[in-house]
PDB file of all heavy atoms in Angstrom:
ATOM      1  N   PRO A   1       0.832  -1.194  -0.012  1.00  0.00           N
ATOM      2  CA  PRO A   1       0.004   0.004   0.016  1.00  0.00           C
ATOM      3  C   PRO A   1       0.888   1.277   0.001  1.00  0.00           C
ATOM      4  O   PRO A   1       1.937   1.295   0.639  1.00  0.00           O
ATOM      5  CB  PRO A   1      -0.782  -0.134   1.302  1.00  0.00           C
ATOM      6  CG  PRO A   1      -0.822  -1.601   1.570  1.00  0.00           C
ATOM      7  CD  PRO A   1       0.495  -2.082   1.108  1.00  0.00           C
ATOM      8  N   ILE A   2       0.454   2.257  -0.732  1.00  0.00           N
ATOM      9  CA  ILE A   2       1.187   3.501  -0.872  1.00  0.00           C
ATOM     10  C   ILE A   2       0.260   4.626  -0.517  1.00  0.00           C
ATOM     11  O   ILE A   2      -0.838   4.767  -1.024  1.00  0.00           O
ATOM     12  CB  ILE A   2       1.706   3.666  -2.332  1.00  0.00           C
ATOM     13  CG1 ILE A   2       2.703   2.598  -2.660  1.00  0.00           C
ATOM     14  CG2 ILE A   2       2.311   5.040  -2.537  1.00  0.00           C
ATOM     15  CD1 ILE A   2       3.141   2.586  -4.115  1.00  0.00           C
ATOM     16  N   LYS A   3       0.758   5.518   0.384  1.00  0.00           N
ATOM     17  CA  LYS A   3      -0.039   6.720   0.678  1.00  0.00           C
ATOM     18  C   LYS A   3       0.119   7.677  -0.502  1.00  0.00           C
ATOM     19  O   LYS A   3       1.251   8.004  -0.864  1.00  0.00           O
ATOM     20  CB  LYS A   3       0.435   7.372   1.980  1.00  0.00           C
ATOM     21  CG  LYS A   3      -0.522   8.447   2.436  1.00  0.00           C
ATOM     22  CD  LYS A   3      -0.262   8.860   3.850  1.00  0.00           C
ATOM     23  CE  LYS A   3      -1.336   9.820   4.317  1.00  0.00           C
ATOM     24  NZ  LYS A   3      -1.083  10.306   5.653  1.00  0.00           N
ATOM     25  N   ALA A   4      -0.987   8.059  -1.124  1.00  0.00           N
ATOM     26  CA  ALA A   4      -0.899   8.804  -2.403  1.00  0.00           C
ATOM     27  C   ALA A   4      -2.004   9.823  -2.533  1.00  0.00           C
ATOM     28  O   ALA A   4      -3.075   9.711  -1.892  1.00  0.00           O
ATOM     29  CB  ALA A   4      -0.943   7.823  -3.542  1.00  0.00           C
ATOM     30  N   PHE A   5      -1.733  10.797  -3.384  1.00  0.00           N
ATOM     31  CA  PHE A   5      -2.757  11.771  -3.795  1.00  0.00           C
ATOM     32  C   PHE A   5      -3.349  11.277  -5.123  1.00  0.00           C
ATOM     33  O   PHE A   5      -2.655  10.744  -5.969  1.00  0.00           O
ATOM     34  CB  PHE A   5      -2.078  13.135  -4.081  1.00  0.00           C
ATOM     35  CG  PHE A   5      -1.521  13.782  -2.830  1.00  0.00           C
ATOM     36  CD1 PHE A   5      -0.187  13.709  -2.573  1.00  0.00           C
ATOM     37  CD2 PHE A   5      -2.361  14.457  -1.964  1.00  0.00           C
ATOM     38  CE1 PHE A   5       0.344  14.312  -1.435  1.00  0.00           C
ATOM     39  CE2 PHE A   5      -1.861  15.072  -0.835  1.00  0.00           C
ATOM     40  CZ  PHE A   5      -0.481  14.998  -0.560  1.00  0.00           C
ATOM     41  N   PHE A   6      -4.651  11.445  -5.300  1.00  0.00           N
ATOM     42  CA  PHE A   6      -5.357  11.147  -6.509  1.00  0.00           C
ATOM     43  C   PHE A   6      -5.171  12.362  -7.386  1.00  0.00           C
ATOM     44  O   PHE A   6      -5.809  13.372  -7.191  1.00  0.00           O
ATOM     45  CB  PHE A   6      -6.837  10.891  -6.163  1.00  0.00           C
ATOM     46  CG  PHE A   6      -7.664  10.212  -7.217  1.00  0.00           C
ATOM     47  CD1 PHE A   6      -8.917   9.776  -6.901  1.00  0.00           C
ATOM     48  CD2 PHE A   6      -7.216  10.033  -8.521  1.00  0.00           C
ATOM     49  CE1 PHE A   6      -9.740   9.152  -7.828  1.00  0.00           C
ATOM     50  CE2 PHE A   6      -8.020   9.414  -9.484  1.00  0.00           C
ATOM     51  CZ  PHE A   6      -9.302   8.992  -9.114  1.00  0.00           C
ATOM     52  N   THR A   7      -4.311  12.271  -8.394  1.00  0.00           N
ATOM     53  CA  THR A   7      -3.900  13.489  -9.118  1.00  0.00           C
ATOM     54  C   THR A   7      -4.568  13.730 -10.456  1.00  0.00           C
ATOM     55  O   THR A   7      -4.598  14.867 -10.931  1.00  0.00           O
ATOM     56  CB  THR A   7      -2.356  13.486  -9.330  1.00  0.00           C
ATOM     57  OG1 THR A   7      -1.957  12.251  -9.869  1.00  0.00           O
ATOM     58  CG2 THR A   7      -1.649  13.704  -8.013  1.00  0.00           C
ATOM     59  N   ASP A   8      -5.060  12.691 -11.142  1.00  0.00           N
ATOM     60  CA  ASP A   8      -5.747  12.866 -12.429  1.00  0.00           C
ATOM     61  C   ASP A   8      -6.852  11.846 -12.591  1.00  0.00           C
ATOM     62  O   ASP A   8      -6.718  10.708 -12.153  1.00  0.00           O
ATOM     63  CB  ASP A   8      -4.752  12.646 -13.593  1.00  0.00           C
ATOM     64  CG  ASP A   8      -3.738  13.781 -13.709  1.00  0.00           C
ATOM     65  OD1 ASP A   8      -4.149  14.885 -14.011  1.00  0.00           O
ATOM     66  OD2 ASP A   8      -2.557  13.467 -13.487  1.00  0.00           O
ATOM     67  N   LEU A   9      -7.956  12.293 -13.218  1.00  0.00           N
ATOM     68  CA  LEU A   9      -9.045  11.383 -13.506  1.00  0.00           C
ATOM     69  C   LEU A   9      -9.719  11.869 -14.821  1.00  0.00           C
ATOM     70  O   LEU A   9     -10.029  13.021 -14.983  1.00  0.00           O
ATOM     71  CB  LEU A   9     -10.125  11.422 -12.383  1.00  0.00           C
ATOM     72  CG  LEU A   9     -11.380  10.632 -12.624  1.00  0.00           C
ATOM     73  CD1 LEU A   9     -11.089   9.139 -12.714  1.00  0.00           C
ATOM     74  CD2 LEU A   9     -12.401  10.866 -11.518  1.00  0.00           C
ATOM     75  N   THR A  10      -9.898  10.897 -15.735  1.00  0.00           N
ATOM     76  CA  THR A  10     -10.558  11.182 -16.999  1.00  0.00           C
ATOM     77  C   THR A  10     -11.621  10.092 -17.183  1.00  0.00           C
ATOM     78  O   THR A  10     -11.363   8.916 -16.935  1.00  0.00           O
ATOM     79  CB  THR A  10      -9.593  11.125 -18.185  1.00  0.00           C
ATOM     80  OG1 THR A  10      -8.512  12.038 -17.945  1.00  0.00           O
ATOM     81  CG2 THR A  10     -10.282  11.446 -19.489  1.00  0.00           C
ATOM     82  N   MET A  11     -12.814  10.512 -17.608  1.00  0.00           N
ATOM     83  CA  MET A  11     -13.898   9.532 -17.846  1.00  0.00           C
ATOM     84  C   MET A  11     -14.501   9.776 -19.224  1.00  0.00           C
ATOM     85  O   MET A  11     -14.606  10.907 -19.667  1.00  0.00           O
ATOM     86  CB  MET A  11     -14.966   9.650 -16.782  1.00  0.00           C
ATOM     87  CG  MET A  11     -14.475   9.254 -15.441  1.00  0.00           C
ATOM     88  SD  MET A  11     -15.823   8.799 -14.412  1.00  0.00           S
ATOM     89  CE  MET A  11     -15.003   8.548 -12.868  1.00  0.00           C
ATOM     90  N   ARG A  12     -14.910   8.664 -19.856  1.00  0.00           N
ATOM     91  CA  ARG A  12     -15.535   8.709 -21.175  1.00  0.00           C
ATOM     92  C   ARG A  12     -16.680   7.723 -21.201  1.00  0.00           C
ATOM     93  O   ARG A  12     -16.485   6.560 -20.906  1.00  0.00           O
ATOM     94  CB  ARG A  12     -14.488   8.406 -22.254  1.00  0.00           C
ATOM     95  CG  ARG A  12     -15.017   8.613 -23.657  1.00  0.00           C
ATOM     96  CD  ARG A  12     -13.972   8.509 -24.687  1.00  0.00           C
ATOM     97  NE  ARG A  12     -13.285   7.233 -24.544  1.00  0.00           N
ATOM     98  CZ  ARG A  12     -12.156   6.905 -25.123  1.00  0.00           C
ATOM     99  NH1 ARG A  12     -11.528   7.820 -25.870  1.00  0.00           N
ATOM    100  NH2 ARG A  12     -11.597   5.747 -24.974  1.00  0.00           N
ATOM    101  N   ILE A  13     -17.856   8.215 -21.511  1.00  0.00           N
ATOM    102  CA  ILE A  13     -19.065   7.364 -21.580  1.00  0.00           C
ATOM    103  C   ILE A  13     -19.033   6.609 -22.928  1.00  0.00           C
ATOM    104  O   ILE A  13     -18.888   7.223 -24.008  1.00  0.00           O
ATOM    105  CB  ILE A  13     -20.342   8.145 -21.442  1.00  0.00           C
ATOM    106  CG1 ILE A  13     -20.360   8.818 -20.054  1.00  0.00           C
ATOM    107  CG2 ILE A  13     -21.584   7.258 -21.597  1.00  0.00           C
ATOM    108  CD1 ILE A  13     -21.528   9.766 -19.812  1.00  0.00           C
ATOM    109  N   GLY A  14     -19.237   5.287 -22.883  1.00  0.00           N
ATOM    110  CA  GLY A  14     -19.257   4.489 -24.072  1.00  0.00           C
ATOM    111  C   GLY A  14     -20.511   4.734 -24.909  1.00  0.00           C
ATOM    112  O   GLY A  14     -21.520   5.253 -24.396  1.00  0.00           O
ATOM    113  N   ALA A  15     -20.472   4.385 -26.150  1.00  0.00           N
ATOM    114  CA  ALA A  15     -21.600   4.605 -27.065  1.00  0.00           C
ATOM    115  C   ALA A  15     -22.834   3.856 -26.584  1.00  0.00           C
ATOM    116  O   ALA A  15     -23.969   4.290 -26.840  1.00  0.00           O
ATOM    117  CB  ALA A  15     -21.196   4.117 -28.469  1.00  0.00           C
ATOM    118  N   ASP A  16     -22.639   2.731 -25.904  1.00  0.00           N
ATOM    119  CA  ASP A  16     -23.800   1.974 -25.441  1.00  0.00           C
ATOM    120  C   ASP A  16     -24.421   2.543 -24.137  1.00  0.00           C
ATOM    121  O   ASP A  16     -25.437   2.067 -23.648  1.00  0.00           O
ATOM    122  CB  ASP A  16     -23.392   0.489 -25.184  1.00  0.00           C
ATOM    123  CG  ASP A  16     -22.298   0.367 -24.142  1.00  0.00           C
ATOM    124  OD1 ASP A  16     -21.922   1.371 -23.505  1.00  0.00           O
ATOM    125  OD2 ASP A  16     -21.845  -0.755 -23.927  1.00  0.00           O
ATOM    126  N   SER A  17     -23.786   3.587 -23.601  1.00  0.00           N
ATOM    127  CA  SER A  17     -24.240   4.268 -22.377  1.00  0.00           C
ATOM    128  C   SER A  17     -24.255   3.371 -21.127  1.00  0.00           C
ATOM    129  O   SER A  17     -24.728   3.772 -20.103  1.00  0.00           O
ATOM    130  CB  SER A  17     -25.647   4.894 -22.564  1.00  0.00           C
ATOM    131  OG  SER A  17     -25.611   5.869 -23.573  1.00  0.00           O
ATOM    132  N   GLU A  18     -23.811   2.136 -21.247  1.00  0.00           N
ATOM    133  CA  GLU A  18     -23.768   1.250 -20.094  1.00  0.00           C
ATOM    134  C   GLU A  18     -22.356   0.983 -19.672  1.00  0.00           C
ATOM    135  O   GLU A  18     -22.087   0.180 -18.790  1.00  0.00           O
ATOM    136  CB  GLU A  18     -24.495  -0.045 -20.387  1.00  0.00           C
ATOM    137  CG  GLU A  18     -25.991   0.138 -20.448  1.00  0.00           C
ATOM    138  CD  GLU A  18     -26.734  -1.160 -20.437  1.00  0.00           C
ATOM    139  OE1 GLU A  18     -26.198  -2.145 -19.932  1.00  0.00           O
ATOM    140  OE2 GLU A  18     -27.848  -1.173 -20.951  1.00  0.00           O
ATOM    141  N   SER A  19     -21.379   1.647 -20.307  1.00  0.00           N
ATOM    142  CA  SER A  19     -19.977   1.490 -19.898  1.00  0.00           C
ATOM    143  C   SER A  19     -19.333   2.863 -19.811  1.00  0.00           C
ATOM    144  O   SER A  19     -19.652   3.760 -20.628  1.00  0.00           O
ATOM    145  CB  SER A  19     -19.217   0.581 -20.886  1.00  0.00           C
ATOM    146  OG  SER A  19     -19.129   1.199 -22.147  1.00  0.00           O
ATOM    147  N   ILE A  20     -18.493   3.004 -18.809  1.00  0.00           N
ATOM    148  CA  ILE A  20     -17.779   4.262 -18.613  1.00  0.00           C
ATOM    149  C   ILE A  20     -16.288   3.936 -18.469  1.00  0.00           C
ATOM    150  O   ILE A  20     -15.898   3.222 -17.554  1.00  0.00           O
ATOM    151  CB  ILE A  20     -18.289   5.043 -17.373  1.00  0.00           C
ATOM    152  CG1 ILE A  20     -19.774   5.360 -17.525  1.00  0.00           C
ATOM    153  CG2 ILE A  20     -17.466   6.302 -17.160  1.00  0.00           C
ATOM    154  CD1 ILE A  20     -20.435   5.951 -16.325  1.00  0.00           C
ATOM    155  N   GLU A  21     -15.529   4.397 -19.445  1.00  0.00           N
ATOM    156  CA  GLU A  21     -14.060   4.184 -19.407  1.00  0.00           C
ATOM    157  C   GLU A  21     -13.454   5.223 -18.495  1.00  0.00           C
ATOM    158  O   GLU A  21     -13.910   6.396 -18.487  1.00  0.00           O
ATOM    159  CB  GLU A  21     -13.472   4.281 -20.798  1.00  0.00           C
ATOM    160  CG  GLU A  21     -13.988   3.234 -21.756  1.00  0.00           C
ATOM    161  CD  GLU A  21     -13.459   3.451 -23.178  1.00  0.00           C
ATOM    162  OE1 GLU A  21     -12.387   4.073 -23.324  1.00  0.00           O
ATOM    163  OE2 GLU A  21     -14.135   2.987 -24.099  1.00  0.00           O
ATOM    164  N   TYR A  22     -12.437   4.846 -17.743  1.00  0.00           N
ATOM    165  CA  TYR A  22     -11.744   5.829 -16.908  1.00  0.00           C
ATOM    166  C   TYR A  22     -10.244   5.611 -16.958  1.00  0.00           C
ATOM    167  O   TYR A  22      -9.767   4.509 -17.183  1.00  0.00           O
ATOM    168  CB  TYR A  22     -12.245   5.735 -15.446  1.00  0.00           C
ATOM    169  CG  TYR A  22     -11.985   4.417 -14.791  1.00  0.00           C
ATOM    170  CD1 TYR A  22     -10.801   4.173 -14.089  1.00  0.00           C
ATOM    171  CD2 TYR A  22     -12.898   3.386 -14.878  1.00  0.00           C
ATOM    172  CE1 TYR A  22     -10.555   2.943 -13.479  1.00  0.00           C
ATOM    173  CE2 TYR A  22     -12.681   2.145 -14.282  1.00  0.00           C
ATOM    174  CZ  TYR A  22     -11.519   1.940 -13.593  1.00  0.00           C
ATOM    175  OH  TYR A  22     -11.247   0.735 -12.996  1.00  0.00           O
ATOM    176  N   THR A  23      -9.499   6.687 -16.776  1.00  0.00           N
ATOM    177  CA  THR A  23      -8.071   6.638 -16.605  1.00  0.00           C
ATOM    178  C   THR A  23      -7.770   7.424 -15.314  1.00  0.00           C
ATOM    179  O   THR A  23      -8.507   8.364 -14.967  1.00  0.00           O
ATOM    180  CB  THR A  23      -7.264   7.241 -17.768  1.00  0.00           C
ATOM    181  OG1 THR A  23      -7.641   8.588 -17.913  1.00  0.00           O
ATOM    182  CG2 THR A  23      -7.517   6.479 -19.069  1.00  0.00           C
ATOM    183  N   PHE A  24      -6.695   7.053 -14.639  1.00  0.00           N
ATOM    184  CA  PHE A  24      -6.371   7.682 -13.381  1.00  0.00           C
ATOM    185  C   PHE A  24      -4.876   7.776 -13.178  1.00  0.00           C
ATOM    186  O   PHE A  24      -4.114   7.095 -13.863  1.00  0.00           O
ATOM    187  CB  PHE A  24      -6.994   6.895 -12.202  1.00  0.00           C
ATOM    188  CG  PHE A  24      -6.485   5.495 -12.116  1.00  0.00           C
ATOM    189  CD1 PHE A  24      -5.273   5.191 -11.477  1.00  0.00           C
ATOM    190  CD2 PHE A  24      -7.180   4.459 -12.683  1.00  0.00           C
ATOM    191  CE1 PHE A  24      -4.797   3.892 -11.401  1.00  0.00           C
ATOM    192  CE2 PHE A  24      -6.718   3.145 -12.618  1.00  0.00           C
ATOM    193  CZ  PHE A  24      -5.513   2.853 -11.954  1.00  0.00           C
ATOM    194  N   SER A  25      -4.489   8.660 -12.283  1.00  0.00           N
ATOM    195  CA  SER A  25      -3.101   8.649 -11.805  1.00  0.00           C
ATOM    196  C   SER A  25      -3.081   9.069 -10.340  1.00  0.00           C
ATOM    197  O   SER A  25      -3.889   9.859  -9.893  1.00  0.00           O
ATOM    198  CB  SER A  25      -2.177   9.532 -12.668  1.00  0.00           C
ATOM    199  OG  SER A  25      -2.465  10.865 -12.483  1.00  0.00           O
ATOM    200  N   PHE A  26      -2.106   8.444  -9.636  1.00  0.00           N
ATOM    201  CA  PHE A  26      -1.863   8.752  -8.234  1.00  0.00           C
ATOM    202  C   PHE A  26      -0.390   9.081  -8.092  1.00  0.00           C
ATOM    203  O   PHE A  26       0.447   8.532  -8.810  1.00  0.00           O
ATOM    204  CB  PHE A  26      -2.170   7.524  -7.349  1.00  0.00           C
ATOM    205  CG  PHE A  26      -3.616   7.162  -7.263  1.00  0.00           C
ATOM    206  CD1 PHE A  26      -4.211   6.300  -8.176  1.00  0.00           C
ATOM    207  CD2 PHE A  26      -4.403   7.655  -6.237  1.00  0.00           C
ATOM    208  CE1 PHE A  26      -5.551   5.966  -8.119  1.00  0.00           C
ATOM    209  CE2 PHE A  26      -5.752   7.327  -6.156  1.00  0.00           C
ATOM    210  CZ  PHE A  26      -6.339   6.491  -7.090  1.00  0.00           C
ATOM    211  N   THR A  27      -0.069   9.986  -7.163  1.00  0.00           N
ATOM    212  CA  THR A  27       1.307  10.323  -6.901  1.00  0.00           C
ATOM    213  C   THR A  27       1.539  10.178  -5.391  1.00  0.00           C
ATOM    214  O   THR A  27       0.751  10.672  -4.587  1.00  0.00           O
ATOM    215  CB  THR A  27       1.606  11.798  -7.297  1.00  0.00           C
ATOM    216  OG1 THR A  27       1.289  11.930  -8.694  1.00  0.00           O
ATOM    217  CG2 THR A  27       3.065  12.154  -7.064  1.00  0.00           C
ATOM    218  N   GLU A  28       2.625   9.484  -5.075  1.00  0.00           N
ATOM    219  CA  GLU A  28       2.944   9.161  -3.660  1.00  0.00           C
ATOM    220  C   GLU A  28       3.037  10.429  -2.840  1.00  0.00           C
ATOM    221  O   GLU A  28       3.611  11.394  -3.252  1.00  0.00           O
ATOM    222  CB  GLU A  28       4.247   8.381  -3.594  1.00  0.00           C
ATOM    223  CG  GLU A  28       4.675   7.979  -2.200  1.00  0.00           C
ATOM    224  CD  GLU A  28       5.991   7.259  -2.164  1.00  0.00           C
ATOM    225  OE1 GLU A  28       6.770   7.323  -3.109  1.00  0.00           O
ATOM    226  OE2 GLU A  28       6.257   6.624  -1.142  1.00  0.00           O
ATOM    227  N   ASP A  29       2.469  10.335  -1.627  1.00  0.00           N
ATOM    228  CA  ASP A  29       2.606  11.424  -0.629  1.00  0.00           C
ATOM    229  C   ASP A  29       3.854  11.082   0.189  1.00  0.00           C
ATOM    230  O   ASP A  29       3.869  10.138   0.929  1.00  0.00           O
ATOM    231  CB  ASP A  29       1.338  11.386   0.280  1.00  0.00           C
ATOM    232  CG  ASP A  29       1.397  12.411   1.383  1.00  0.00           C
ATOM    233  OD1 ASP A  29       2.470  13.037   1.602  1.00  0.00           O
ATOM    234  OD2 ASP A  29       0.391  12.566   2.103  1.00  0.00           O
ATOM    235  N   CYS A  30       4.860  11.886   0.006  1.00  0.00           N
ATOM    236  CA  CYS A  30       6.168  11.621   0.670  1.00  0.00           C
ATOM    237  C   CYS A  30       6.343  12.405   1.953  1.00  0.00           C
ATOM    238  O   CYS A  30       7.475  12.585   2.397  1.00  0.00           O
ATOM    239  CB  CYS A  30       7.286  11.943  -0.300  1.00  0.00           C
ATOM    240  SG  CYS A  30       7.299  10.884  -1.767  1.00  0.00           S
ATOM    241  N   THR A  31       5.285  12.840   2.587  1.00  0.00           N
ATOM    242  CA  THR A  31       5.387  13.635   3.794  1.00  0.00           C
ATOM    243  C   THR A  31       5.638  12.835   5.055  1.00  0.00           C
ATOM    244  O   THR A  31       5.957  13.377   6.086  1.00  0.00           O
ATOM    245  CB  THR A  31       4.154  14.526   3.998  1.00  0.00           C
ATOM    246  OG1 THR A  31       2.996  13.705   4.088  1.00  0.00           O
ATOM    247  CG2 THR A  31       4.024  15.533   2.871  1.00  0.00           C
ATOM    248  N   GLU A  32       5.413  11.477   4.969  1.00  0.00           N
ATOM    249  CA  GLU A  32       5.683  10.658   6.147  1.00  0.00           C
ATOM    250  C   GLU A  32       6.540   9.468   5.756  1.00  0.00           C
ATOM    251  O   GLU A  32       6.605   9.105   4.581  1.00  0.00           O
ATOM    252  CB  GLU A  32       4.373  10.202   6.799  1.00  0.00           C
ATOM    253  CG  GLU A  32       3.553   9.215   5.997  1.00  0.00           C
ATOM    254  CD  GLU A  32       2.282   8.813   6.712  1.00  0.00           C
ATOM    255  OE1 GLU A  32       1.639   9.661   7.317  1.00  0.00           O
ATOM    256  OE2 GLU A  32       1.959   7.618   6.667  1.00  0.00           O
ATOM    257  N   LYS A  33       7.115   8.866   6.750  1.00  0.00           N
ATOM    258  CA  LYS A  33       8.025   7.736   6.539  1.00  0.00           C
ATOM    259  C   LYS A  33       7.220   6.596   5.924  1.00  0.00           C
ATOM    260  O   LYS A  33       6.206   6.196   6.431  1.00  0.00           O
ATOM    261  CB  LYS A  33       8.643   7.314   7.864  1.00  0.00           C
ATOM    262  CG  LYS A  33       9.816   6.421   7.712  1.00  0.00           C
ATOM    263  CD  LYS A  33      10.505   6.285   9.035  1.00  0.00           C
ATOM    264  CE  LYS A  33      11.772   5.532   8.831  1.00  0.00           C
ATOM    265  NZ  LYS A  33      12.512   5.391  10.048  1.00  0.00           N
ATOM    266  N   ARG A  34       7.756   6.036   4.860  1.00  0.00           N
ATOM    267  CA  ARG A  34       7.031   5.013   4.096  1.00  0.00           C
ATOM    268  C   ARG A  34       6.958   3.679   4.790  1.00  0.00           C
ATOM    269  O   ARG A  34       6.132   2.841   4.555  1.00  0.00           O
ATOM    270  CB  ARG A  34       7.747   4.815   2.757  1.00  0.00           C
ATOM    271  CG  ARG A  34       6.923   3.988   1.808  1.00  0.00           C
ATOM    272  CD  ARG A  34       7.406   4.152   0.440  1.00  0.00           C
ATOM    273  NE  ARG A  34       6.660   3.248  -0.403  1.00  0.00           N
ATOM    274  CZ  ARG A  34       7.062   2.763  -1.514  1.00  0.00           C
ATOM    275  NH1 ARG A  34       8.250   3.122  -1.978  1.00  0.00           N
ATOM    276  NH2 ARG A  34       6.349   1.936  -2.208  1.00  0.00           N
ATOM    277  N   SER A  35       7.846   3.419   5.770  1.00  0.00           N
ATOM    278  CA  SER A  35       7.829   2.145   6.417  1.00  0.00           C
ATOM    279  C   SER A  35       6.718   2.028   7.498  1.00  0.00           C
ATOM    280  O   SER A  35       6.534   0.951   8.026  1.00  0.00           O
ATOM    281  CB  SER A  35       9.190   1.877   7.077  1.00  0.00           C
ATOM    282  OG  SER A  35       9.442   2.839   8.074  1.00  0.00           O
ATOM    283  N   SER A  36       6.059   3.117   7.825  1.00  0.00           N
ATOM    284  CA  SER A  36       4.987   3.010   8.808  1.00  0.00           C
ATOM    285  C   SER A  36       3.680   2.670   8.164  1.00  0.00           C
ATOM    286  O   SER A  36       3.178   3.453   7.339  1.00  0.00           O
ATOM    287  CB  SER A  36       4.869   4.339   9.591  1.00  0.00           C
ATOM    288  OG  SER A  36       4.577   5.387   8.749  1.00  0.00           O
ATOM    289  N   TYR A  37       3.140   1.490   8.458  1.00  0.00           N
ATOM    290  CA  TYR A  37       1.915   1.020   7.838  1.00  0.00           C
ATOM    291  C   TYR A  37       0.871   0.792   8.945  1.00  0.00           C
ATOM    292  O   TYR A  37       0.927  -0.190   9.648  1.00  0.00           O
ATOM    293  CB  TYR A  37       2.142  -0.303   7.102  1.00  0.00           C
ATOM    294  CG  TYR A  37       3.130  -0.188   5.972  1.00  0.00           C
ATOM    295  CD1 TYR A  37       4.344  -0.802   5.979  1.00  0.00           C
ATOM    296  CD2 TYR A  37       2.780   0.571   4.838  1.00  0.00           C
ATOM    297  CE1 TYR A  37       5.233  -0.685   4.921  1.00  0.00           C
ATOM    298  CE2 TYR A  37       3.664   0.695   3.748  1.00  0.00           C
ATOM    299  CZ  TYR A  37       4.880   0.067   3.821  1.00  0.00           C
ATOM    300  OH  TYR A  37       5.729   0.174   2.788  1.00  0.00           O
TER     301      TYR A  37
END
C-alpha cells in the first residue's frame, strides 16, 4: 500500500451508455516515513 494523492481522472461514456471508461493517476505522498503502515 502506498499513501498517495489522486492526481488525475478522465472519464468517457461508451456509445452503449452502459460502460464508462476511466483513466487515473496517483502520486505518492512523501510527507511521512514510508515504512509506517
